Amino acid sequence: MGYPFFLKTQQSLVYRLPLDSYMLKPIQRITQYQLLLKETIKYTRNEQECLHLQEALPVIFDILSDL
């Protein structure tokens, strides 16, 4: 990570590892999508939108089962 802002921040906070090592990788984020979908479904009032979200839930489960 060669961006001056991040390097300066890393040095000022005395992080041992580069800041990007603390960020979630795409493979780590994908497991959180099903949680986000479930929470979004809980708070979605529009019936049509809720149906679309519910249709997406098995798709994300299918993706997760392939990991």
PDB file of N, CA and C in Angstrom:
ATOM      1  N   MET A   1       0.859  -1.165   0.000  1.00  0.00           N
ATOM      2  CA  MET A   1       0.000   0.000   0.000  1.00  0.00           C
ATOM      3  C   MET A   1       0.905   1.228   0.000  1.00  0.00           C
ATOM      4  N   GLY A   2       1.112   1.826  -1.139  1.00  0.00           N
ATOM      5  CA  GLY A   2       2.054   2.911  -1.258  1.00  0.00           C
ATOM      6  C   GLY A   2       1.460   4.297  -1.181  1.00  0.00           C
ATOM      7  N   TYR A   3       0.221   4.431  -0.738  1.00  0.00           N
ATOM      8  CA  TYR A   3      -0.396   5.740  -0.661  1.00  0.00           C
ATOM      9  C   TYR A   3       0.131   6.484   0.559  1.00  0.00           C
ATOM     10  N   PRO A   4       0.607   7.727   0.367  1.00  0.00           N
ATOM     11  CA  PRO A   4       1.219   8.482   1.472  1.00  0.00           C
ATOM     12  C   PRO A   4       0.316   8.607   2.698  1.00  0.00           C
ATOM     13  N   PHE A   5      -0.980   8.848   2.493  1.00  0.00           N
ATOM     14  CA  PHE A   5      -1.885   8.999   3.633  1.00  0.00           C
ATOM     15  C   PHE A   5      -1.881   7.749   4.502  1.00  0.00           C
ATOM     16  N   PHE A   6      -1.999   6.587   3.867  1.00  0.00           N
ATOM     17  CA  PHE A   6      -2.052   5.335   4.621  1.00  0.00           C
ATOM     18  C   PHE A   6      -0.714   5.024   5.287  1.00  0.00           C
ATOM     19  N   LEU A   7       0.359   5.308   4.594  1.00  0.00           N
ATOM     20  CA  LEU A   7       1.681   5.079   5.194  1.00  0.00           C
ATOM     21  C   LEU A   7       1.880   5.969   6.411  1.00  0.00           C
ATOM     22  N   LYS A   8       1.498   7.244   6.282  1.00  0.00           N
ATOM     23  CA  LYS A   8       1.636   8.187   7.399  1.00  0.00           C
ATOM     24  C   LYS A   8       0.748   7.763   8.574  1.00  0.00           C
ATOM     25  N   THR A   9      -0.473   7.353   8.273  1.00  0.00           N
ATOM     26  CA  THR A   9      -1.389   6.905   9.322  1.00  0.00           C
ATOM     27  C   THR A   9      -0.855   5.665  10.018  1.00  0.00           C
ATOM     28  N   GLN A  10      -0.359   4.732   9.239  1.00  0.00           N
ATOM     29  CA  GLN A  10       0.200   3.501   9.803  1.00  0.00           C
ATOM     30  C   GLN A  10       1.355   3.827  10.741  1.00  0.00           C
ATOM     31  N   GLN A  11       2.225   4.732  10.329  1.00  0.00           N
ATOM     32  CA  GLN A  11       3.380   5.091  11.155  1.00  0.00           C
ATOM     33  C   GLN A  11       2.949   5.849  12.403  1.00  0.00           C
ATOM     34  N   SER A  12       1.976   6.760  12.262  1.00  0.00           N
ATOM     35  CA  SER A  12       1.560   7.562  13.414  1.00  0.00           C
ATOM     36  C   SER A  12       0.831   6.727  14.461  1.00  0.00           C
ATOM     37  N   LEU A  13       0.169   5.670  14.042  1.00  0.00           N
ATOM     38  CA  LEU A  13      -0.560   4.818  14.979  1.00  0.00           C
ATOM     39  C   LEU A  13       0.244   3.601  15.415  1.00  0.00           C
ATOM     40  N   VAL A  14       1.430   3.484  14.922  1.00  0.00           N
ATOM     41  CA  VAL A  14       2.365   2.417  15.251  1.00  0.00           C
ATOM     42  C   VAL A  14       1.750   1.029  15.006  1.00  0.00           C
ATOM     43  N   TYR A  15       1.126   0.865  13.856  1.00  0.00           N
ATOM     44  CA  TYR A  15       0.638  -0.455  13.461  1.00  0.00           C
ATOM     45  C   TYR A  15       1.806  -1.285  12.977  1.00  0.00           C
ATOM     46  N   ARG A  16       1.866  -2.509  13.419  1.00  0.00           N
ATOM     47  CA  ARG A  16       2.935  -3.397  12.968  1.00  0.00           C
ATOM     48  C   ARG A  16       2.681  -3.890  11.551  1.00  0.00           C
ATOM     49  N   LEU A  17       1.419  -4.172  11.255  1.00  0.00           N
ATOM     50  CA  LEU A  17       1.051  -4.685   9.936  1.00  0.00           C
ATOM     51  C   LEU A  17       0.555  -3.538   9.059  1.00  0.00           C
ATOM     52  N   PRO A  18       0.658  -3.687   7.745  1.00  0.00           N
ATOM     53  CA  PRO A  18       0.083  -2.672   6.856  1.00  0.00           C
ATOM     54  C   PRO A  18      -1.424  -2.565   7.090  1.00  0.00           C
ATOM     55  N   LEU A  19      -1.971  -1.368   6.923  1.00  0.00           N
ATOM     56  CA  LEU A  19      -3.391  -1.163   7.185  1.00  0.00           C
ATOM     57  C   LEU A  19      -4.275  -2.073   6.344  1.00  0.00           C
ATOM     58  N   ASP A  20      -3.853  -2.383   5.119  1.00  0.00           N
ATOM     59  CA  ASP A  20      -4.696  -3.234   4.279  1.00  0.00           C
ATOM     60  C   ASP A  20      -4.831  -4.653   4.828  1.00  0.00           C
ATOM     61  N   SER A  21      -3.949  -5.049   5.716  1.00  0.00           N
ATOM     62  CA  SER A  21      -4.068  -6.385   6.308  1.00  0.00           C
ATOM     63  C   SER A  21      -5.224  -6.452   7.312  1.00  0.00           C
ATOM     64  N   TYR A  22      -5.717  -5.291   7.751  1.00  0.00           N
ATOM     65  CA  TYR A  22      -6.847  -5.252   8.678  1.00  0.00           C
ATOM     66  C   TYR A  22      -8.188  -5.213   7.945  1.00  0.00           C
ATOM     67  N   MET A  23      -8.153  -5.019   6.645  1.00  0.00           N
ATOM     68  CA  MET A  23      -9.377  -4.930   5.856  1.00  0.00           C
ATOM     69  C   MET A  23      -9.834  -6.329   5.449  1.00  0.00           C
ATOM     70  N   LEU A  24     -11.147  -6.482   5.319  1.00  0.00           N
ATOM     71  CA  LEU A  24     -11.690  -7.768   4.899  1.00  0.00           C
ATOM     72  C   LEU A  24     -11.398  -8.008   3.426  1.00  0.00           C
ATOM     73  N   LYS A  25     -11.036  -9.213   3.133  1.00  0.00           N
ATOM     74  CA  LYS A  25     -10.816  -9.625   1.753  1.00  0.00           C
ATOM     75  C   LYS A  25     -12.175  -9.985   1.141  1.00  0.00           C
ATOM     76  N   PRO A  26     -12.296  -9.973  -0.184  1.00  0.00           N
ATOM     77  CA  PRO A  26     -13.591 -10.304  -0.811  1.00  0.00           C
ATOM     78  C   PRO A  26     -14.159 -11.647  -0.353  1.00  0.00           C
ATOM     79  N   ILE A  27     -13.329 -12.631  -0.192  1.00  0.00           N
ATOM     80  CA  ILE A  27     -13.813 -13.950   0.229  1.00  0.00           C
ATOM     81  C   ILE A  27     -14.349 -13.905   1.660  1.00  0.00           C
ATOM     82  N   GLN A  28     -13.847 -12.977   2.469  1.00  0.00           N
ATOM     83  CA  GLN A  28     -14.345 -12.828   3.834  1.00  0.00           C
ATOM     84  C   GLN A  28     -15.652 -12.033   3.850  1.00  0.00           C
ATOM     85  N   ARG A  29     -15.767 -11.058   2.951  1.00  0.00           N
ATOM     86  CA  ARG A  29     -16.976 -10.231   2.907  1.00  0.00           C
ATOM     87  C   ARG A  29     -18.186 -11.010   2.421  1.00  0.00           C
ATOM     88  N   ILE A  30     -17.988 -11.925   1.494  1.00  0.00           N
ATOM     89  CA  ILE A  30     -19.129 -12.621   0.890  1.00  0.00           C
ATOM     90  C   ILE A  30     -19.920 -13.411   1.930  1.00  0.00           C
ATOM     91  N   THR A  31     -19.269 -13.861   2.974  1.00  0.00           N
ATOM     92  CA  THR A  31     -19.986 -14.606   4.014  1.00  0.00           C
ATOM     93  C   THR A  31     -20.909 -13.701   4.824  1.00  0.00           C
ATOM     94  N   GLN A  32     -20.677 -12.403   4.777  1.00  0.00           N
ATOM     95  CA  GLN A  32     -21.523 -11.470   5.522  1.00  0.00           C
ATOM     96  C   GLN A  32     -22.750 -11.027   4.733  1.00  0.00           C
ATOM     97  N   TYR A  33     -22.776 -11.304   3.443  1.00  0.00           N
ATOM     98  CA  TYR A  33     -23.894 -10.868   2.611  1.00  0.00           C
ATOM     99  C   TYR A  33     -25.212 -11.493   3.051  1.00  0.00           C
ATOM    100  N   GLN A  34     -25.184 -12.754   3.440  1.00  0.00           N
ATOM    101  CA  GLN A  34     -26.437 -13.384   3.862  1.00  0.00           C
ATOM    102  C   GLN A  34     -26.970 -12.737   5.138  1.00  0.00           C
ATOM    103  N   LEU A  35     -26.084 -12.327   6.027  1.00  0.00           N
ATOM    104  CA  LEU A  35     -26.527 -11.628   7.240  1.00  0.00           C
ATOM    105  C   LEU A  35     -27.134 -10.276   6.889  1.00  0.00           C
ATOM    106  N   LEU A  36     -26.495  -9.579   5.965  1.00  0.00           N
ATOM    107  CA  LEU A  36     -27.000  -8.286   5.518  1.00  0.00           C
ATOM    108  C   LEU A  36     -28.365  -8.440   4.844  1.00  0.00           C
ATOM    109  N   LEU A  37     -28.504  -9.453   4.019  1.00  0.00           N
ATOM    110  CA  LEU A  37     -29.797  -9.704   3.367  1.00  0.00           C
ATOM    111  C   LEU A  37     -30.892  -9.989   4.395  1.00  0.00           C
ATOM    112  N   LYS A  38     -30.592 -10.820   5.372  1.00  0.00           N
ATOM    113  CA  LYS A  38     -31.580 -11.152   6.401  1.00  0.00           C
ATOM    114  C   LYS A  38     -32.017  -9.904   7.167  1.00  0.00           C
ATOM    115  N   GLU A  39     -31.059  -9.071   7.526  1.00  0.00           N
ATOM    116  CA  GLU A  39     -31.382  -7.839   8.246  1.00  0.00           C
ATOM    117  C   GLU A  39     -32.179  -6.880   7.372  1.00  0.00           C
ATOM    118  N   THR A  40     -31.818  -6.796   6.113  1.00  0.00           N
ATOM    119  CA  THR A  40     -32.530  -5.913   5.192  1.00  0.00           C
ATOM    120  C   THR A  40     -33.967  -6.379   5.008  1.00  0.00           C
ATOM    121  N   ILE A  41     -34.163  -7.680   4.920  1.00  0.00           N
ATOM    122  CA  ILE A  41     -35.519  -8.233   4.792  1.00  0.00           C
ATOM    123  C   ILE A  41     -36.361  -7.855   6.010  1.00  0.00           C
ATOM    124  N   LYS A  42     -35.767  -7.916   7.191  1.00  0.00           N
ATOM    125  CA  LYS A  42     -36.499  -7.584   8.422  1.00  0.00           C
ATOM    126  C   LYS A  42     -37.075  -6.175   8.389  1.00  0.00           C
ATOM    127  N   TYR A  43     -36.329  -5.236   7.794  1.00  0.00           N
ATOM    128  CA  TYR A  43     -36.715  -3.831   7.849  1.00  0.00           C
ATOM    129  C   TYR A  43     -37.316  -3.308   6.546  1.00  0.00           C
ATOM    130  N   THR A  44     -37.528  -4.180   5.585  1.00  0.00           N
ATOM    131  CA  THR A  44     -38.107  -3.754   4.313  1.00  0.00           C
ATOM    132  C   THR A  44     -39.624  -3.806   4.404  1.00  0.00           C
ATOM    133  N   ARG A  45     -40.254  -2.675   4.163  1.00  0.00           N
ATOM    134  CA  ARG A  45     -41.712  -2.576   4.272  1.00  0.00           C
ATOM    135  C   ARG A  45     -42.406  -2.871   2.939  1.00  0.00           C
ATOM    136  N   ASN A  46     -41.752  -2.530   1.844  1.00  0.00           N
ATOM    137  CA  ASN A  46     -42.341  -2.728   0.525  1.00  0.00           C
ATOM    138  C   ASN A  46     -42.363  -4.220   0.201  1.00  0.00           C
ATOM    139  N   GLU A  47     -43.548  -4.731  -0.066  1.00  0.00           N
ATOM    140  CA  GLU A  47     -43.714  -6.174  -0.275  1.00  0.00           C
ATOM    141  C   GLU A  47     -42.928  -6.679  -1.485  1.00  0.00           C
ATOM    142  N   GLN A  48     -42.959  -5.924  -2.582  1.00  0.00           N
ATOM    143  CA  GLN A  48     -42.254  -6.340  -3.797  1.00  0.00           C
ATOM    144  C   GLN A  48     -40.743  -6.374  -3.564  1.00  0.00           C
ATOM    145  N   GLU A  49     -40.217  -5.360  -2.899  1.00  0.00           N
ATOM    146  CA  GLU A  49     -38.784  -5.334  -2.594  1.00  0.00           C
ATOM    147  C   GLU A  49     -38.407  -6.484  -1.666  1.00  0.00           C
ATOM    148  N   CYS A  50     -39.272  -6.759  -0.722  1.00  0.00           N
ATOM    149  CA  CYS A  50     -39.020  -7.858   0.217  1.00  0.00           C
ATOM    150  C   CYS A  50     -38.973  -9.199  -0.525  1.00  0.00           C
ATOM    151  N   LEU A  51     -39.856  -9.376  -1.493  1.00  0.00           N
ATOM    152  CA  LEU A  51     -39.855 -10.610  -2.283  1.00  0.00           C
ATOM    153  C   LEU A  51     -38.553 -10.763  -3.065  1.00  0.00           C
ATOM    154  N   HIS A  52     -38.078  -9.666  -3.642  1.00  0.00           N
ATOM    155  CA  HIS A  52     -36.813  -9.719  -4.383  1.00  0.00           C
ATOM    156  C   HIS A  52     -35.654 -10.102  -3.460  1.00  0.00           C
ATOM    157  N   LEU A  53     -35.649  -9.528  -2.279  1.00  0.00           N
ATOM    158  CA  LEU A  53     -34.592  -9.849  -1.317  1.00  0.00           C
ATOM    159  C   LEU A  53     -34.677 -11.309  -0.882  1.00  0.00           C
ATOM    160  N   GLN A  54     -35.892 -11.796  -0.672  1.00  0.00           N
ATOM    161  CA  GLN A  54     -36.063 -13.195  -0.278  1.00  0.00           C
ATOM    162  C   GLN A  54     -35.640 -14.151  -1.391  1.00  0.00           C
ATOM    163  N   GLU A  55     -35.808 -13.734  -2.636  1.00  0.00           N
ATOM    164  CA  GLU A  55     -35.341 -14.551  -3.759  1.00  0.00           C
ATOM    165  C   GLU A  55     -33.816 -14.592  -3.808  1.00  0.00           C
ATOM    166  N   ALA A  56     -33.180 -13.540  -3.343  1.00  0.00           N
ATOM    167  CA  ALA A  56     -31.714 -13.468  -3.368  1.00  0.00           C
ATOM    168  C   ALA A  56     -31.085 -14.333  -2.280  1.00  0.00           C
ATOM    169  N   LEU A  57     -31.810 -14.565  -1.211  1.00  0.00           N
ATOM    170  CA  LEU A  57     -31.253 -15.312  -0.083  1.00  0.00           C
ATOM    171  C   LEU A  57     -30.795 -16.724  -0.454  1.00  0.00           C
ATOM    172  N   PRO A  58     -31.606 -17.536  -1.141  1.00  0.00           N
ATOM    173  CA  PRO A  58     -31.107 -18.867  -1.518  1.00  0.00           C
ATOM    174  C   PRO A  58     -29.923 -18.805  -2.480  1.00  0.00           C
ATOM    175  N   VAL A  59     -29.866 -17.746  -3.272  1.00  0.00           N
ATOM    176  CA  VAL A  59     -28.745 -17.603  -4.207  1.00  0.00           C
ATOM    177  C   VAL A  59     -27.446 -17.419  -3.436  1.00  0.00           C
ATOM    178  N   ILE A  60     -27.470 -16.566  -2.423  1.00  0.00           N
ATOM    179  CA  ILE A  60     -26.245 -16.340  -1.647  1.00  0.00           C
ATOM    180  C   ILE A  60     -25.889 -17.596  -0.857  1.00  0.00           C
ATOM    181  N   PHE A  61     -26.894 -18.331  -0.366  1.00  0.00           N
ATOM    182  CA  PHE A  61     -26.601 -19.594   0.325  1.00  0.00           C
ATOM    183  C   PHE A  61     -25.952 -20.601  -0.621  1.00  0.00           C
ATOM    184  N   ASP A  62     -26.422 -20.627  -1.858  1.00  0.00           N
ATOM    185  CA  ASP A  62     -25.844 -21.519  -2.861  1.00  0.00           C
ATOM    186  C   ASP A  62     -24.387 -21.147  -3.133  1.00  0.00           C
ATOM    187  N   ILE A  63     -24.129 -19.862  -3.237  1.00  0.00           N
ATOM    188  CA  ILE A  63     -22.751 -19.394  -3.454  1.00  0.00           C
ATOM    189  C   ILE A  63     -21.873 -19.789  -2.276  1.00  0.00           C
ATOM    190  N   LEU A  64     -22.386 -19.581  -1.071  1.00  0.00           N
ATOM    191  CA  LEU A  64     -21.607 -19.911   0.127  1.00  0.00           C
ATOM    192  C   LEU A  64     -21.338 -21.410   0.237  1.00  0.00           C
ATOM    193  N   SER A  65     -22.266 -22.222  -0.228  1.00  0.00           N
ATOM    194  CA  SER A  65     -22.051 -23.672  -0.145  1.00  0.00           C
ATOM    195  C   SER A  65     -20.949 -24.139  -1.093  1.00  0.00           C
ATOM    196  N   ASP A  66     -20.650 -23.333  -2.103  1.00  0.00           N
ATOM    197  CA  ASP A  66     -19.585 -23.675  -3.051  1.00  0.00           C
ATOM    198  C   ASP A  66     -18.205 -23.221  -2.587  1.00  0.00           C
ATOM    199  N   LEU A  67     -18.154 -22.459  -1.513  1.00  0.00           N
ATOM    200  CA  LEU A  67     -16.851 -21.951  -1.042  1.00  0.00           C
ATOM    201  C   LEU A  67     -16.084 -23.006  -0.285  1.00  0.00           C
TER     202      LEU A  67
END
